[in-house]
């Protein structure tokens, strides 16, 4: 077991003296570290005896008190100051703060080298190092024991807790919620305070911090394999878990998180294949229900969610965020659009939490599995409403207007009236006229820009647009005709049956 400050003071060959903080001489020293940098506490991981020749100590009382408080908050065991070097006079305020905190302050006689103190600490730690190595080996071996378990995460986390004699919480570093759906939630009496510490940790450059919450010591540290995950440790007893052992424990937990994510990605790929085929109507109602049950859906209705973002990468982790919060979902995406099927009753707040801030989102009304295609169209319609109104999330409701239309049926009637002859003409063949019309409008009705975009001759564009005018009966020289075509294309984008996951217009 690591030596205490009192035991270090008792080493006769060192001749150390106690200046202040007598109530803390029972603190255990895990290591001795020398530093003369400012803000000395930023180099503490917990349990260190910090040694300085005095350059780290401010001259003013407020600065000295801040130093004492910072060292204690970071978990330092004691502060050793070299005599007859560069230390300013220790103020009464500083000494009183060290007695209150307490922070043992030791005087190092001149010319005793700091390395002599380090050697004394290291020699006393040899047995502790052997114990630490055995404990680290046991922690890594836990991965082998949980590999084939049905619930590996709670079993692994519980085993690590018993090994460390501490309560462990692996949290989302952004929001403070459990990172794993089976992860432990923070104690109610500490939740608000620890969430505040998590926010402060997120904004800090330090990855290893000891703090206080309701008079309990709290350690916060990163998970090496996941930048968005953090480990919160609440020790149950003294002495606190060793720093090195905690780093290895965080690595083991990170490896299990990585293994869990591999399963999530396999499930996502299988779900995407199923959802695309279901949207295309390849399954009967009973088969859709059976496959949804395979993905964790219980019998009942579901909701389809359509998301769109200007940055496709923003949508890549939506399914992971829902999984973390225990929401069963299947998803399929392409480009800047993503479709989700989630159980009825999934909280809208949860969907907003999982979606990126810049994404627009449309929700269908609750539908049975046999109405999946209808749910998709409703979600796309609601997505169009969200994009038009600037709202992040819009549910589909009959009568809510988008582009002046109140329902899918009204939208379909408009598309049939304006684009129907054109669509009928191209059914069963390459949609050259339709693609040319879309490109023509996107290129501000420039013949040459449209030709360059489609890699065809300018005269070909002119011919095709004349055919569009003949089939639709609209004069493309009239602004009102162009507006009708654009309007109908926007509606068709939300109703289109052959490509709901293409990039949004």
Protein backbone atom coordinates (compact mmCIF):
# COMPACT_ATOMS: atom_id res chain seq x y z
CA UNK A 1 0.00 0.00 0.00
CA UNK A 2 1.31 3.50 -0.85
CA UNK A 3 3.05 5.41 1.96
CA UNK A 4 1.34 8.28 3.77
CA UNK A 5 2.58 11.85 4.18
CA UNK A 6 3.16 11.05 7.85
CA UNK A 7 5.39 8.11 6.94
CA UNK A 8 7.37 10.25 4.52
CA UNK A 9 7.90 12.87 7.25
CA UNK A 10 9.22 10.10 9.49
CA UNK A 11 12.05 9.20 7.10
CA UNK A 12 15.08 10.47 9.11
CA UNK A 13 17.47 10.71 6.17
CA UNK A 14 15.20 13.23 4.44
CA UNK A 15 14.72 15.69 7.29
CA UNK A 16 11.43 17.02 5.92
CA UNK A 17 9.38 19.43 8.01
CA UNK A 18 5.61 20.04 8.23
CA UNK A 19 4.67 23.69 7.66
CA UNK A 20 0.87 23.44 7.49
CA UNK A 21 -2.03 21.04 6.85
CA UNK A 22 -1.40 18.63 9.73
CA UNK A 23 -4.89 17.15 9.36
CA UNK A 24 -3.93 15.75 5.96
CA UNK A 25 -0.82 13.77 6.91
CA UNK A 26 -2.82 10.56 6.47
CA UNK A 27 -3.04 11.21 2.69
CA UNK A 28 -1.42 8.46 0.69
CA UNK A 29 1.27 9.31 -1.87
CA UNK A 30 1.16 7.40 -5.14
CA UNK A 31 4.01 9.32 -6.77
CA UNK A 32 6.34 12.28 -6.33
CA UNK A 33 6.45 14.79 -9.15
CA UNK A 34 8.56 17.91 -9.69
CA UNK A 35 7.23 20.95 -11.50
CA UNK A 36 7.81 24.70 -11.46
CA UNK A 37 5.13 25.56 -14.02
CA UNK A 38 2.32 27.99 -13.15
CA UNK A 39 -1.10 26.56 -12.22
CA UNK A 40 0.60 23.58 -10.65
CA UNK A 41 -2.68 21.71 -10.11
CA UNK A 42 -3.17 21.21 -13.85
CA UNK A 43 -0.39 18.59 -13.78
CA UNK A 44 -1.99 16.48 -11.03
CA UNK A 45 -3.82 13.21 -11.73
CA UNK A 46 -4.44 12.27 -8.11
CA UNK A 47 -2.31 11.11 -5.17
CA UNK A 48 0.89 12.96 -6.10
CA UNK A 49 3.32 14.76 -3.84
CA UNK A 50 4.03 17.90 -5.86
CA UNK A 51 7.56 19.28 -5.37
CA UNK A 52 8.61 22.80 -6.39
CA UNK A 53 11.57 25.10 -5.86
CA UNK A 54 9.06 27.93 -5.44
CA UNK A 55 8.67 29.31 -8.95
CA UNK A 56 5.13 27.88 -9.08
CA UNK A 57 4.04 29.79 -5.98
CA UNK A 58 2.46 33.25 -6.49
CA UNK A 59 3.57 36.06 -4.23
CA UNK A 60 0.10 37.43 -3.41
CA UNK A 61 -2.24 35.89 -0.81
CA UNK A 62 -5.11 35.30 -3.28
CA UNK A 63 -2.83 33.51 -5.73
CA UNK A 64 -1.40 31.30 -2.99
CA UNK A 65 -4.88 30.35 -1.74
CA UNK A 66 -5.93 29.54 -5.31
CA UNK A 67 -2.88 27.25 -5.58
CA UNK A 68 -3.84 25.37 -2.41
CA UNK A 69 -7.46 24.98 -3.44
CA UNK A 70 -6.51 23.88 -6.96
CA UNK A 71 -4.13 21.20 -5.69
CA UNK A 72 -6.71 19.76 -3.30
CA UNK A 73 -9.45 19.82 -5.96
CA UNK A 74 -7.14 17.96 -8.36
CA UNK A 75 -6.34 15.30 -5.75
CA UNK A 76 -2.77 16.17 -4.76
CA UNK A 77 -1.60 14.49 -1.53
CA UNK A 78 0.83 17.21 -0.42
CA UNK A 79 3.01 20.10 -1.54
CA UNK A 80 6.78 20.11 -0.87
CA UNK A 81 8.70 23.41 -1.16
CA UNK A 82 12.48 23.65 -1.38
CA UNK A 83 14.07 25.92 1.19
CA UNK A 84 16.47 28.72 0.24
CA UNK A 85 15.42 28.62 -3.40
CA UNK A 86 12.85 30.78 -5.20
CA UNK A 87 9.73 30.54 -3.05
CA UNK A 88 8.12 33.81 -1.94
CA UNK A 89 7.10 34.27 1.66
CA UNK A 90 4.18 32.00 2.51
CA UNK A 91 1.28 34.21 3.57
CA UNK A 92 -0.93 33.70 6.60
CA UNK A 93 -3.92 33.29 4.29
CA UNK A 94 -2.18 30.47 2.44
CA UNK A 95 -1.19 28.63 5.63
CA UNK A 96 -4.70 28.99 7.06
CA UNK A 97 -6.21 27.62 3.82
CA UNK A 98 -3.82 24.63 3.90
CA UNK A 99 -4.86 23.88 7.50
CA UNK A 100 -8.56 24.08 6.58
CA UNK A 101 -8.58 22.12 3.33
CA UNK A 102 -6.34 20.30 4.49
CA UNK A 103 -3.24 20.33 2.26
CA UNK A 104 0.00 19.19 3.94
CA UNK A 105 2.84 21.60 3.11
CA UNK A 106 6.34 20.19 3.58
CA UNK A 107 9.64 22.04 3.75
CA UNK A 108 12.56 20.42 1.93
CA UNK A 109 15.89 21.27 3.60
CA UNK A 110 18.63 22.72 1.41
CA UNK A 111 20.46 21.09 -0.36
CA UNK A 112 18.41 17.84 -0.28
CA UNK A 113 17.71 16.89 -3.94
CA UNK A 114 14.12 16.23 -4.88
CA UNK A 115 15.22 12.91 -6.38
CA UNK A 116 15.91 11.60 -2.87
CA UNK A 117 12.25 12.14 -2.01
CA UNK A 118 11.18 10.47 -5.27
CA UNK A 119 13.34 7.45 -4.48
CA UNK A 120 11.81 7.10 -1.03
CA UNK A 121 8.31 7.19 -2.49
CA UNK A 122 9.24 4.76 -5.29
CA UNK A 123 10.83 2.24 -2.91
CA UNK A 124 7.75 2.21 -0.72
CA UNK A 125 5.63 1.63 -3.83
CA UNK A 126 7.32 -1.58 -4.99
CA UNK A 127 4.79 -3.84 -3.26
CA UNK A 128 2.02 -1.54 -4.40
CA UNK A 129 3.25 -1.87 -7.99
CA UNK A 130 3.05 -5.67 -7.77
CA UNK A 131 -0.51 -5.45 -6.44
CA UNK A 132 -1.40 -3.00 -9.21
CA UNK A 133 -0.09 -5.31 -11.94
CA UNK A 134 -2.15 -8.21 -10.62
CA UNK A 135 -5.26 -6.03 -10.46
CA UNK A 136 -4.77 -4.78 -14.03
CA UNK A 137 -4.41 -8.38 -15.25
CA UNK A 138 -7.68 -9.32 -13.52
CA UNK A 139 -9.50 -6.38 -15.11
CA UNK A 140 -8.38 -7.30 -18.64
CA UNK A 141 -9.35 -10.91 -18.02
CA UNK A 142 -12.92 -9.77 -17.38
CA UNK A 143 -13.34 -9.21 -21.14
CA UNK A 144 -12.86 -12.93 -21.73
CA UNK A 145 -15.48 -13.87 -19.14
CA UNK A 146 -18.23 -11.62 -20.59
CA UNK A 147 -17.53 -12.27 -24.27
CA UNK A 148 -20.32 -14.84 -24.69
CA UNK A 149 -22.76 -13.39 -22.14
CA UNK A 150 -26.21 -12.24 -23.26
CA UNK A 151 -25.76 -8.95 -21.40
CA UNK A 152 -21.99 -8.32 -21.52
CA UNK A 153 -22.08 -4.61 -20.65
CA UNK A 154 -23.78 -4.73 -17.22
CA UNK A 155 -21.80 -7.83 -16.30
CA UNK A 156 -18.49 -6.22 -17.25
CA UNK A 157 -19.28 -2.88 -15.60
CA UNK A 158 -20.42 -4.64 -12.41
CA UNK A 159 -17.27 -6.78 -12.28
CA UNK A 160 -15.02 -3.73 -12.74
CA UNK A 161 -16.95 -1.91 -10.00
CA UNK A 162 -16.31 -4.77 -7.59
CA UNK A 163 -12.63 -4.86 -8.52
CA UNK A 164 -12.21 -1.12 -7.93
CA UNK A 165 -14.66 -0.86 -5.03
CA UNK A 166 -16.29 2.10 -6.74
CA UNK A 167 -19.48 3.05 -8.57
CA UNK A 168 -18.84 3.54 -12.30
CA UNK A 169 -20.87 5.55 -14.81
CA UNK A 170 -19.97 5.69 -18.50
CA UNK A 171 -21.67 8.81 -19.83
CA UNK A 172 -22.18 10.69 -23.06
CA UNK A 173 -19.71 13.56 -22.73
CA UNK A 174 -22.12 15.93 -24.49
CA UNK A 175 -25.31 15.43 -22.49
CA UNK A 176 -24.37 13.36 -19.42
CA UNK A 177 -26.78 10.50 -20.20
CA UNK A 178 -25.59 6.87 -20.01
CA UNK A 179 -23.54 6.05 -23.11
CA UNK A 180 -24.77 2.44 -23.24
CA UNK A 181 -28.50 1.60 -23.15
CA UNK A 182 -27.84 -0.78 -20.25
CA UNK A 183 -25.57 1.66 -18.45
CA UNK A 184 -26.13 2.78 -14.85
CA UNK A 185 -27.84 6.13 -14.29
CA UNK A 186 -26.42 8.73 -11.91
CA UNK A 187 -27.75 8.73 -8.31
CA UNK A 188 -30.63 11.18 -7.96
CA UNK A 189 -29.04 13.04 -5.08
CA UNK A 190 -25.88 13.67 -7.11
CA UNK A 191 -27.26 13.86 -10.66
CA UNK A 192 -27.63 17.63 -11.01
CA UNK A 193 -24.24 18.38 -9.49
CA UNK A 194 -22.41 15.73 -11.51
CA UNK A 195 -24.05 16.88 -14.75
CA UNK A 196 -22.66 20.32 -14.01
CA UNK A 197 -19.22 18.79 -13.51
CA UNK A 198 -19.62 16.93 -16.83
CA UNK A 199 -20.30 20.19 -18.65
CA UNK A 200 -17.21 21.76 -17.06
CA UNK A 201 -15.15 18.66 -17.94
CA UNK A 202 -16.29 18.85 -21.56
CA UNK A 203 -15.01 22.43 -21.84
CA UNK A 204 -11.69 21.61 -20.15
CA UNK A 205 -8.47 20.45 -21.78
CA UNK A 206 -7.70 18.03 -18.93
CA UNK A 207 -8.79 14.43 -19.41
CA UNK A 208 -8.35 13.31 -15.80
CA UNK A 209 -10.01 15.33 -13.00
CA UNK A 210 -10.87 14.76 -9.35
CA UNK A 211 -13.80 16.86 -8.13
CA UNK A 212 -16.29 17.01 -5.25
CA UNK A 213 -20.07 16.42 -5.40
CA UNK A 214 -22.07 16.58 -2.16
CA UNK A 215 -18.89 15.86 -0.15
CA UNK A 216 -18.11 12.78 -2.25
CA UNK A 217 -14.96 12.49 -4.31
CA UNK A 218 -15.71 12.23 -8.03
CA UNK A 219 -13.22 11.27 -10.72
CA UNK A 220 -13.90 12.17 -14.36
CA UNK A 221 -11.76 10.81 -17.16
CA UNK A 222 -12.01 10.06 -20.87
CA UNK A 223 -12.60 6.68 -22.48
CA UNK A 224 -9.54 6.17 -24.76
CA UNK A 225 -11.47 4.48 -27.58
CA UNK A 226 -14.39 6.94 -27.72
CA UNK A 227 -13.98 10.71 -27.69
CA UNK A 228 -17.69 11.21 -26.94
CA UNK A 229 -17.66 8.97 -23.85
CA UNK A 230 -16.41 9.68 -20.34
CA UNK A 231 -16.03 7.64 -17.16
CA UNK A 232 -17.30 8.97 -13.82
CA UNK A 233 -15.97 7.15 -10.75
CA UNK A 234 -17.44 7.43 -7.24
CA UNK A 235 -15.07 5.61 -4.83
CA UNK A 236 -16.78 3.64 -2.08
CA UNK A 237 -13.83 3.54 0.29
CA UNK A 238 -10.31 4.73 1.08
CA UNK A 239 -7.79 4.60 -0.44
CA UNK A 240 -9.23 5.59 -3.81
CA UNK A 241 -8.59 3.41 -6.87
CA UNK A 242 -5.10 3.75 -8.28
CA UNK A 243 -4.69 6.15 -11.22
CA UNK A 244 -2.93 3.66 -13.47
CA UNK A 245 -5.49 0.94 -12.71
CA UNK A 246 -8.31 3.37 -13.55
CA UNK A 247 -6.73 4.15 -16.92
CA UNK A 248 -6.64 0.44 -17.74
CA UNK A 249 -10.24 0.01 -16.51
CA UNK A 250 -11.33 2.82 -18.86
CA UNK A 251 -9.56 1.06 -21.73
CA UNK A 252 -11.33 -2.24 -20.98
CA UNK A 253 -14.72 -0.52 -20.85
CA UNK A 254 -13.89 1.24 -24.13
CA UNK A 255 -13.10 -2.07 -25.81
CA UNK A 256 -16.50 -3.41 -24.80
CA UNK A 257 -18.18 -0.26 -26.12
CA UNK A 258 -16.40 -0.78 -29.43
CA UNK A 259 -17.59 -4.38 -29.54
CA UNK A 260 -21.14 -3.26 -28.85
CA UNK A 261 -20.96 -0.70 -31.66
CA UNK A 262 -19.94 -3.40 -34.12
CA UNK A 263 -23.21 -5.17 -33.30
CA UNK A 264 -25.13 -1.91 -33.74
CA UNK A 265 -23.62 -1.40 -37.19
CA UNK A 266 -24.41 -4.96 -38.27
CA UNK A 267 -27.98 -4.42 -37.12
CA UNK A 268 -28.14 -1.08 -38.98
CA UNK A 269 -27.04 -2.65 -42.27
CA UNK A 270 -29.59 -5.45 -41.96
CA UNK A 271 -32.27 -2.92 -41.01
CA UNK A 272 -31.48 -0.68 -43.95
CA UNK A 273 -31.86 -3.56 -46.41
CA UNK A 274 -35.17 -4.56 -44.86
CA UNK A 275 -36.55 -1.01 -44.73
CA UNK A 276 -35.76 -0.24 -48.36
CA UNK A 277 -37.47 -3.45 -49.49
CA UNK A 278 -40.44 -2.77 -47.23
CA UNK A 279 -40.82 0.73 -48.66
CA UNK A 280 -40.86 -0.83 -52.13
CA UNK A 281 -43.69 -3.16 -51.07
CA UNK A 282 -41.75 -6.43 -51.35
CA UNK A 283 -43.16 -7.89 -48.11
CA UNK A 284 -46.62 -8.74 -46.95
CA UNK A 285 -47.99 -7.32 -43.70
CA UNK A 286 -47.24 -10.43 -41.65
CA UNK A 287 -43.66 -10.61 -42.91
CA UNK A 288 -43.11 -6.94 -42.12
CA UNK A 289 -44.33 -7.54 -38.56
CA UNK A 290 -42.11 -10.59 -38.21
CA UNK A 291 -39.01 -8.74 -39.38
CA UNK A 292 -39.75 -5.74 -37.20
CA UNK A 293 -39.97 -8.07 -34.21
CA UNK A 294 -36.47 -9.27 -35.10
CA UNK A 295 -35.28 -5.68 -34.67
CA UNK A 296 -36.89 -5.33 -31.26
CA UNK A 297 -40.27 -3.87 -32.25
CA UNK A 298 -43.23 -5.08 -30.25
CA UNK A 299 -46.60 -5.67 -31.88
CA UNK A 300 -48.31 -2.37 -32.52
CA UNK A 301 -48.06 0.73 -34.60
CA UNK A 302 -44.94 2.58 -35.69
CA UNK A 303 -43.89 6.01 -36.88
CA UNK A 304 -41.68 6.76 -39.89
CA UNK A 305 -39.32 9.71 -39.51
CA UNK A 306 -37.70 11.47 -42.47
CA UNK A 307 -34.64 13.63 -41.81
CA UNK A 308 -32.69 15.88 -44.13
CA UNK A 309 -29.51 17.85 -43.51
CA UNK A 310 -27.27 20.00 -45.65
CA UNK A 311 -24.35 17.95 -44.33
CA UNK A 312 -24.87 14.20 -44.92
CA UNK A 313 -22.24 13.34 -42.28
CA UNK A 314 -24.54 14.87 -39.65
CA UNK A 315 -26.96 11.97 -40.05
CA UNK A 316 -24.41 9.16 -39.69
CA UNK A 317 -24.78 8.77 -35.91
CA UNK A 318 -28.53 9.26 -35.45
CA UNK A 319 -29.17 5.52 -35.15
CA UNK A 320 -26.37 5.21 -32.58
CA UNK A 321 -27.81 8.03 -30.46
CA UNK A 322 -31.22 6.33 -30.46
CA UNK A 323 -29.63 2.98 -29.54
CA UNK A 324 -27.82 4.57 -26.61
CA UNK A 325 -31.13 5.77 -25.23
CA UNK A 326 -32.82 2.41 -25.65
CA UNK A 327 -34.96 3.30 -28.69
CA UNK A 328 -35.47 0.42 -31.14
CA UNK A 329 -35.15 1.80 -34.65
CA UNK A 330 -34.39 0.69 -38.19
CA UNK A 331 -32.89 3.20 -40.59
CA UNK A 332 -31.92 3.64 -44.21
CA UNK A 333 -30.23 6.64 -45.73
CA UNK A 334 -28.57 8.00 -48.82
CA UNK A 335 -27.09 11.40 -49.53
CA UNK A 336 -28.47 14.05 -47.22
CA UNK A 337 -31.67 12.17 -46.31
CA UNK A 338 -32.37 9.51 -43.69
CA UNK A 339 -35.51 7.47 -42.97
CA UNK A 340 -36.22 5.86 -39.59
CA UNK A 341 -38.96 3.54 -38.37
CA UNK A 342 -39.48 3.84 -34.61
CA UNK A 343 -42.15 2.44 -32.27
CA UNK A 344 -45.24 4.53 -31.61
CA UNK A 345 -44.73 6.54 -28.44
CA UNK A 346 -41.09 7.40 -29.08
CA UNK A 347 -40.73 10.82 -27.47
CA UNK A 348 -40.26 13.72 -29.86
CA UNK A 349 -37.74 15.15 -27.40
CA UNK A 350 -35.67 12.00 -27.87
CA UNK A 351 -35.78 12.35 -31.66
CA UNK A 352 -34.69 15.98 -31.40
CA UNK A 353 -31.89 14.95 -29.04
CA UNK A 354 -30.64 12.26 -31.43
CA UNK A 355 -30.88 14.37 -34.59
CA UNK A 356 -28.22 16.95 -35.51
CA UNK A 357 -29.22 20.57 -34.80
CA UNK A 358 -29.19 21.53 -38.49
CA UNK A 359 -31.48 18.70 -39.65
CA UNK A 360 -35.14 19.07 -40.60
CA UNK A 361 -37.44 16.26 -39.52
CA UNK A 362 -40.91 15.06 -40.55
CA UNK A 363 -42.97 12.48 -38.61
CA UNK A 364 -45.74 10.32 -39.96
CA UNK A 365 -48.87 9.61 -38.00
CA UNK A 366 -48.81 6.25 -36.17
CA UNK A 367 -49.40 3.44 -38.68
CA UNK A 368 -49.59 -0.34 -38.69
CA UNK A 369 -46.77 -2.28 -40.39
CA UNK A 370 -49.04 -2.87 -43.39
CA UNK A 371 -49.27 0.93 -43.84
CA UNK A 372 -45.51 1.46 -43.95
CA UNK A 373 -45.56 3.00 -47.44
CA UNK A 374 -48.27 5.46 -46.40
CA UNK A 375 -46.25 6.34 -43.30
CA UNK A 376 -43.22 7.06 -45.50
CA UNK A 377 -45.21 9.45 -47.70
CA UNK A 378 -46.64 11.24 -44.66
CA UNK A 379 -43.16 11.68 -43.17
CA UNK A 380 -41.85 13.09 -46.45
CA UNK A 381 -44.79 15.46 -46.63
CA UNK A 382 -44.12 16.60 -43.05
CA UNK A 383 -40.43 16.98 -43.90
CA UNK A 384 -41.35 19.33 -46.72
CA UNK A 385 -43.47 21.33 -44.28
CA UNK A 386 -40.54 21.47 -41.81
CA UNK A 387 -38.16 22.71 -44.49
CA UNK A 388 -40.65 25.31 -45.63
CA UNK A 389 -41.43 26.59 -42.15
CA UNK A 390 -37.94 26.41 -40.70
CA UNK A 391 -39.07 24.18 -37.82
CA UNK A 392 -36.80 21.32 -36.73
CA UNK A 393 -39.62 18.78 -36.33
CA UNK A 394 -43.08 18.69 -37.87
CA UNK A 395 -45.62 15.84 -37.43
CA UNK A 396 -47.95 14.97 -40.29
CA UNK A 397 -51.50 16.15 -39.67
CA UNK A 398 -54.38 16.37 -42.10
CA UNK A 399 -55.10 19.96 -43.02
CA UNK A 400 -51.68 21.40 -42.20
CA UNK A 401 -50.65 23.26 -45.31
CA UNK A 402 -47.41 22.77 -47.18
CA UNK A 403 -47.04 24.89 -50.32
CA UNK A 404 -50.73 25.63 -49.86
CA UNK A 405 -51.80 21.97 -49.85
CA UNK A 406 -53.28 20.22 -46.84
CA UNK A 407 -52.82 16.49 -47.50
CA UNK A 408 -51.07 13.83 -49.53
CA UNK A 409 -54.19 13.36 -51.63
CA UNK A 410 -54.26 17.02 -52.62
CA UNK A 411 -50.58 16.86 -53.51
CA UNK A 412 -51.04 13.73 -55.63
CA UNK A 413 -53.96 15.34 -57.47
CA UNK A 414 -51.82 18.36 -58.33
CA UNK A 415 -48.93 16.22 -59.58
CA UNK A 416 -51.32 14.16 -61.72
CA UNK A 417 -52.86 17.27 -63.23
CA UNK A 418 -49.62 19.09 -64.10
CA UNK A 419 -47.05 16.32 -64.61
CA UNK A 420 -49.35 13.39 -65.36
CA UNK A 421 -49.06 13.46 -69.19
CA UNK A 422 -45.27 13.80 -68.95
CA UNK A 423 -44.97 10.92 -66.47
CA UNK A 424 -47.27 8.73 -68.55
CA UNK A 425 -45.18 9.40 -71.65
CA UNK A 426 -41.94 8.34 -69.92
CA UNK A 427 -43.32 5.37 -67.99
CA UNK A 428 -41.26 2.31 -68.94
CA UNK A 429 -38.45 4.30 -70.56
CA UNK A 430 -35.54 6.50 -69.53
CA UNK A 431 -36.93 9.71 -67.96
CA UNK A 432 -34.97 12.04 -70.25
CA UNK A 433 -37.68 14.70 -70.42
CA UNK A 434 -38.29 14.75 -66.66
CA UNK A 435 -34.56 14.89 -65.85
CA UNK A 436 -34.10 17.65 -68.40
CA UNK A 437 -36.97 19.65 -66.88
CA UNK A 438 -35.44 19.37 -63.40
CA UNK A 439 -31.99 20.39 -64.64
CA UNK A 440 -33.46 23.23 -66.71
CA UNK A 441 -35.14 24.77 -63.66
CA UNK A 442 -32.07 24.22 -61.46
CA UNK A 443 -29.92 25.97 -64.08
CA UNK A 444 -32.11 29.11 -64.06
CA UNK A 445 -33.64 28.14 -67.45
CA UNK A 446 -30.34 28.48 -69.26
CA UNK A 447 -30.14 26.25 -72.35
CA UNK A 448 -26.35 26.13 -72.29
CA UNK A 449 -25.96 25.50 -68.55
CA UNK A 450 -28.52 22.71 -68.75
CA UNK A 451 -26.71 21.15 -71.73
CA UNK A 452 -23.39 21.32 -69.85
CA UNK A 453 -24.95 19.76 -66.75
CA UNK A 454 -26.44 16.83 -68.70
CA UNK A 455 -23.49 16.50 -71.12
CA UNK A 456 -25.67 16.84 -74.21
CA UNK A 457 -25.91 19.31 -77.09
CA UNK A 458 -27.75 22.57 -76.53
CA UNK A 459 -30.14 21.77 -79.39
CA UNK A 460 -31.10 18.52 -77.61
CA UNK A 461 -32.20 20.56 -74.57
CA UNK A 462 -34.29 22.85 -76.73
CA UNK A 463 -36.01 19.86 -78.39
CA UNK A 464 -36.72 18.14 -75.07
CA UNK A 465 -38.19 21.25 -73.46
CA UNK A 466 -40.49 21.74 -76.46
CA UNK A 467 -41.73 18.17 -75.88
CA UNK A 468 -42.30 18.99 -72.19
CA UNK A 469 -44.37 22.01 -73.24
CA UNK A 470 -46.40 19.91 -75.70
CA UNK A 471 -47.12 17.15 -73.17
CA UNK A 472 -48.04 19.45 -70.27
CA UNK A 473 -49.81 22.07 -72.33
CA UNK A 474 -47.82 24.80 -70.57
CA UNK A 475 -46.02 27.70 -72.25
CA UNK A 476 -42.51 27.71 -70.75
CA UNK A 477 -42.09 31.34 -71.74
CA UNK A 478 -44.71 32.22 -69.13
CA UNK A 479 -43.49 32.66 -65.55
CA UNK A 480 -46.75 31.23 -64.21
CA UNK A 481 -46.20 28.01 -66.22
CA UNK A 482 -42.65 27.64 -64.91
CA UNK A 483 -43.92 28.20 -61.36
CA UNK A 484 -46.54 25.46 -61.76
CA UNK A 485 -43.93 22.98 -62.98
CA UNK A 486 -41.53 23.80 -60.12
CA UNK A 487 -44.40 23.55 -57.65
CA UNK A 488 -45.47 20.14 -58.96
CA UNK A 489 -41.88 18.82 -58.90
CA UNK A 490 -41.50 19.80 -55.24
CA UNK A 491 -44.67 17.90 -54.35
CA UNK A 492 -43.59 14.90 -56.42
CA UNK A 493 -40.29 14.80 -54.51
CA UNK A 494 -42.26 14.11 -51.34
CA UNK A 495 -44.54 11.56 -52.99
CA UNK A 496 -42.08 9.87 -55.30
CA UNK A 497 -42.39 6.08 -55.11
CA UNK A 498 -39.17 5.10 -56.86
CA UNK A 499 -36.61 6.93 -54.76
CA UNK A 500 -37.58 8.27 -51.33
CA UNK A 501 -33.97 8.19 -50.15
CA UNK A 502 -32.35 10.20 -52.88
CA UNK A 503 -30.81 13.55 -51.99
CA UNK A 504 -33.43 16.17 -51.19
CA UNK A 505 -34.17 18.88 -53.68
